[in-house]
N, C-alpha and C. Protein backbone atom coordinates (compact mmCIF):
# COMPACT_ATOMS: atom_id res chain seq x y z
N MET A 1 14.80 17.61 8.31
CA MET A 1 13.58 17.38 7.57
C MET A 1 12.74 16.35 8.33
N GLU A 2 11.54 16.72 8.68
CA GLU A 2 10.66 15.88 9.50
C GLU A 2 10.33 14.54 8.84
N ILE A 3 10.06 14.55 7.56
CA ILE A 3 9.69 13.31 6.85
C ILE A 3 10.84 12.31 6.89
N LYS A 4 12.06 12.80 6.69
CA LYS A 4 13.22 11.91 6.69
C LYS A 4 13.43 11.32 8.09
N ARG A 5 13.23 12.12 9.10
CA ARG A 5 13.42 11.66 10.47
C ARG A 5 12.38 10.59 10.84
N LEU A 6 11.14 10.83 10.49
CA LEU A 6 10.06 9.90 10.83
C LEU A 6 10.05 8.65 9.95
N GLY A 7 10.48 8.79 8.70
CA GLY A 7 10.45 7.66 7.78
C GLY A 7 9.04 7.42 7.25
N ARG A 8 8.92 6.42 6.44
CA ARG A 8 7.61 6.12 5.83
C ARG A 8 6.71 5.44 6.86
N PRO A 9 5.44 5.78 6.85
CA PRO A 9 4.51 5.13 7.77
C PRO A 9 4.20 3.71 7.31
N ILE A 10 4.38 2.75 8.20
CA ILE A 10 4.12 1.35 7.86
C ILE A 10 3.19 0.71 8.91
N PRO A 11 1.96 1.21 8.99
CA PRO A 11 1.02 0.66 9.97
C PRO A 11 0.51 -0.71 9.56
N ASP A 12 0.06 -1.47 10.54
CA ASP A 12 -0.57 -2.76 10.27
C ASP A 12 -2.02 -2.48 9.90
N LEU A 13 -2.33 -2.58 8.62
CA LEU A 13 -3.67 -2.25 8.12
C LEU A 13 -4.59 -3.46 8.16
N ILE A 14 -5.88 -3.20 8.18
CA ILE A 14 -6.88 -4.27 8.14
C ILE A 14 -7.52 -4.25 6.75
N ILE A 15 -6.88 -4.97 5.83
CA ILE A 15 -7.36 -5.06 4.45
C ILE A 15 -7.59 -6.53 4.15
N SER A 16 -8.77 -6.86 3.68
CA SER A 16 -9.05 -8.25 3.31
C SER A 16 -9.85 -8.28 2.02
N LYS A 17 -9.73 -9.39 1.32
CA LYS A 17 -10.44 -9.56 0.06
C LYS A 17 -10.85 -11.02 -0.07
N THR A 18 -12.06 -11.23 -0.53
CA THR A 18 -12.56 -12.58 -0.76
C THR A 18 -12.81 -12.77 -2.25
N ASP A 19 -12.26 -13.84 -2.80
CA ASP A 19 -12.45 -14.19 -4.20
C ASP A 19 -13.24 -15.49 -4.28
N GLU A 20 -14.13 -15.55 -5.26
CA GLU A 20 -14.91 -16.77 -5.46
C GLU A 20 -14.18 -17.71 -6.41
N GLY A 21 -13.96 -18.92 -5.96
CA GLY A 21 -13.38 -19.94 -6.81
C GLY A 21 -14.47 -20.84 -7.35
N LYS A 22 -14.09 -21.86 -8.11
CA LYS A 22 -15.08 -22.78 -8.68
C LYS A 22 -15.76 -23.61 -7.59
N SER A 23 -14.99 -24.01 -6.59
CA SER A 23 -15.57 -24.88 -5.56
C SER A 23 -15.62 -24.25 -4.17
N ARG A 24 -14.93 -23.12 -3.97
CA ARG A 24 -14.93 -22.48 -2.65
C ARG A 24 -14.50 -21.03 -2.77
N ASN A 25 -14.66 -20.29 -1.69
CA ASN A 25 -14.21 -18.90 -1.64
C ASN A 25 -12.83 -18.84 -1.01
N TYR A 26 -12.02 -17.90 -1.48
CA TYR A 26 -10.67 -17.71 -0.97
C TYR A 26 -10.58 -16.33 -0.33
N SER A 27 -9.96 -16.28 0.83
CA SER A 27 -9.83 -15.02 1.55
C SER A 27 -8.35 -14.65 1.66
N ARG A 28 -8.04 -13.40 1.36
CA ARG A 28 -6.67 -12.89 1.49
C ARG A 28 -6.70 -11.72 2.46
N ASN A 29 -5.67 -11.62 3.31
CA ASN A 29 -5.56 -10.54 4.28
C ASN A 29 -4.23 -9.84 4.13
N PHE A 30 -4.21 -8.56 4.44
CA PHE A 30 -2.98 -7.78 4.38
C PHE A 30 -1.96 -8.34 5.36
N ASN A 31 -0.71 -8.42 4.91
CA ASN A 31 0.39 -8.87 5.74
C ASN A 31 1.44 -7.77 5.73
N SER A 32 1.82 -7.29 6.90
CA SER A 32 2.75 -6.16 6.98
C SER A 32 4.14 -6.49 6.45
N SER A 33 4.45 -7.76 6.18
CA SER A 33 5.75 -8.10 5.60
C SER A 33 5.91 -7.53 4.19
N VAL A 34 4.81 -7.11 3.58
CA VAL A 34 4.87 -6.51 2.24
C VAL A 34 5.72 -5.23 2.27
N TYR A 35 5.77 -4.55 3.42
CA TYR A 35 6.60 -3.35 3.55
C TYR A 35 8.09 -3.69 3.38
N ASP A 36 8.50 -4.90 3.78
CA ASP A 36 9.89 -5.32 3.62
C ASP A 36 10.21 -5.62 2.16
N ARG A 37 9.25 -6.14 1.43
CA ARG A 37 9.46 -6.48 0.02
C ARG A 37 9.46 -5.26 -0.88
N PHE A 38 8.65 -4.27 -0.54
CA PHE A 38 8.50 -3.06 -1.36
C PHE A 38 8.81 -1.84 -0.50
N LYS A 39 10.07 -1.41 -0.54
CA LYS A 39 10.54 -0.32 0.32
C LYS A 39 9.88 1.02 0.00
N TRP A 40 9.23 1.15 -1.13
CA TRP A 40 8.56 2.39 -1.52
C TRP A 40 7.13 2.46 -1.00
N LEU A 41 6.63 1.37 -0.44
CA LEU A 41 5.24 1.28 -0.01
C LEU A 41 5.05 1.87 1.39
N CYS A 42 3.96 2.59 1.57
CA CYS A 42 3.60 3.10 2.89
C CYS A 42 2.09 2.94 3.06
N GLY A 43 1.62 3.08 4.28
CA GLY A 43 0.21 2.90 4.54
C GLY A 43 -0.39 4.06 5.31
N CYS A 44 -1.69 4.17 5.21
CA CYS A 44 -2.44 5.20 5.93
C CYS A 44 -3.50 4.51 6.79
N PRO A 45 -3.34 4.52 8.12
CA PRO A 45 -4.32 3.86 8.97
C PRO A 45 -5.68 4.55 8.96
N LYS A 46 -5.70 5.85 8.74
CA LYS A 46 -6.97 6.59 8.72
C LYS A 46 -7.82 6.18 7.51
N ARG A 47 -7.17 6.04 6.34
CA ARG A 47 -7.88 5.66 5.11
C ARG A 47 -7.84 4.16 4.86
N ASN A 48 -6.99 3.45 5.62
CA ASN A 48 -6.84 2.00 5.50
C ASN A 48 -6.48 1.60 4.07
N LYS A 49 -5.51 2.32 3.50
CA LYS A 49 -5.07 2.07 2.13
C LYS A 49 -3.56 2.21 2.02
N LEU A 50 -3.02 1.72 0.90
CA LEU A 50 -1.58 1.78 0.63
C LEU A 50 -1.28 2.89 -0.36
N PHE A 51 -0.08 3.48 -0.21
CA PHE A 51 0.37 4.56 -1.08
C PHE A 51 1.84 4.37 -1.42
N CYS A 52 2.30 5.08 -2.46
CA CYS A 52 3.72 5.10 -2.82
C CYS A 52 4.36 6.26 -2.06
N PHE A 53 5.25 5.93 -1.13
CA PHE A 53 5.89 6.95 -0.31
C PHE A 53 6.76 7.89 -1.15
N ILE A 54 7.48 7.34 -2.11
CA ILE A 54 8.34 8.15 -2.97
C ILE A 54 7.52 9.16 -3.76
N CYS A 55 6.42 8.71 -4.33
CA CYS A 55 5.55 9.62 -5.11
C CYS A 55 4.95 10.71 -4.22
N LEU A 56 4.57 10.35 -3.00
CA LEU A 56 3.99 11.34 -2.09
C LEU A 56 5.02 12.41 -1.73
N VAL A 57 6.24 11.99 -1.43
CA VAL A 57 7.29 12.93 -1.01
C VAL A 57 7.81 13.75 -2.18
N MET A 58 8.01 13.09 -3.32
CA MET A 58 8.63 13.76 -4.47
C MET A 58 7.61 14.41 -5.40
N GLY A 59 6.33 14.28 -5.11
CA GLY A 59 5.31 14.90 -5.95
C GLY A 59 5.09 14.16 -7.25
N GLY A 60 4.92 12.85 -7.16
CA GLY A 60 4.69 12.04 -8.36
C GLY A 60 3.37 12.38 -9.02
N ASN A 61 3.15 11.78 -10.18
CA ASN A 61 1.92 12.07 -10.92
C ASN A 61 0.69 11.69 -10.10
N GLN A 62 -0.42 12.28 -10.44
CA GLN A 62 -1.65 11.99 -9.71
C GLN A 62 -2.21 10.66 -10.17
N SER A 63 -2.17 9.71 -9.28
CA SER A 63 -2.66 8.37 -9.58
C SER A 63 -3.25 7.78 -8.31
N ALA A 64 -3.69 6.55 -8.41
CA ALA A 64 -4.21 5.87 -7.23
C ALA A 64 -3.14 5.77 -6.14
N TRP A 65 -1.87 5.72 -6.55
CA TRP A 65 -0.78 5.58 -5.58
C TRP A 65 -0.48 6.87 -4.83
N THR A 66 -1.03 7.99 -5.29
CA THR A 66 -0.80 9.26 -4.59
C THR A 66 -2.09 9.91 -4.12
N GLN A 67 -3.21 9.57 -4.69
CA GLN A 67 -4.47 10.23 -4.37
C GLN A 67 -5.45 9.34 -3.61
N GLU A 68 -5.92 8.28 -4.24
CA GLU A 68 -6.96 7.45 -3.64
C GLU A 68 -6.42 6.37 -2.72
N GLY A 69 -5.23 5.87 -3.03
CA GLY A 69 -4.69 4.74 -2.30
C GLY A 69 -5.10 3.44 -2.98
N CYS A 70 -4.34 2.39 -2.75
CA CYS A 70 -4.62 1.10 -3.38
C CYS A 70 -4.85 0.04 -2.33
N VAL A 71 -5.75 -0.86 -2.61
CA VAL A 71 -5.99 -1.99 -1.72
C VAL A 71 -6.06 -3.31 -2.48
N GLY A 72 -6.12 -3.27 -3.80
CA GLY A 72 -6.26 -4.49 -4.59
C GLY A 72 -4.99 -4.82 -5.34
N LYS A 73 -5.16 -5.15 -6.60
CA LYS A 73 -4.03 -5.55 -7.43
C LYS A 73 -3.46 -4.36 -8.19
N GLY A 74 -3.33 -3.23 -7.53
CA GLY A 74 -2.75 -2.05 -8.17
C GLY A 74 -1.31 -2.31 -8.58
N ARG A 75 -0.92 -1.82 -9.70
CA ARG A 75 0.46 -1.99 -10.19
C ARG A 75 1.16 -0.64 -10.12
N HIS A 76 2.47 -0.70 -9.90
CA HIS A 76 3.26 0.51 -9.82
C HIS A 76 4.59 0.26 -10.51
N LYS A 77 5.16 1.28 -11.11
CA LYS A 77 6.42 1.12 -11.85
C LYS A 77 7.63 1.09 -10.93
N ALA A 78 7.49 1.56 -9.69
CA ALA A 78 8.62 1.54 -8.76
C ALA A 78 8.92 0.10 -8.37
N THR A 79 10.18 -0.18 -8.09
CA THR A 79 10.57 -1.52 -7.67
C THR A 79 11.30 -1.43 -6.35
N ALA A 80 11.39 -2.57 -5.69
CA ALA A 80 12.04 -2.61 -4.38
C ALA A 80 13.53 -2.44 -4.51
């Protein structure tokens, strides 16, 4: 099976977010170590978004984790 041989794609994505605080702005950037914490997580360099690898392979419900991809504070029921 090709998917099993290749494994989940874990590219280094360029995702950043800036939040406004009371006295200054805060910037957060994607860190690829998140792949180690969440073994179900995979990334798409073409769309520059995160997806649930298990849902993609097993045909999970249609959600942001399988269709649009997530870049913010998306929540998922899968655990590491």
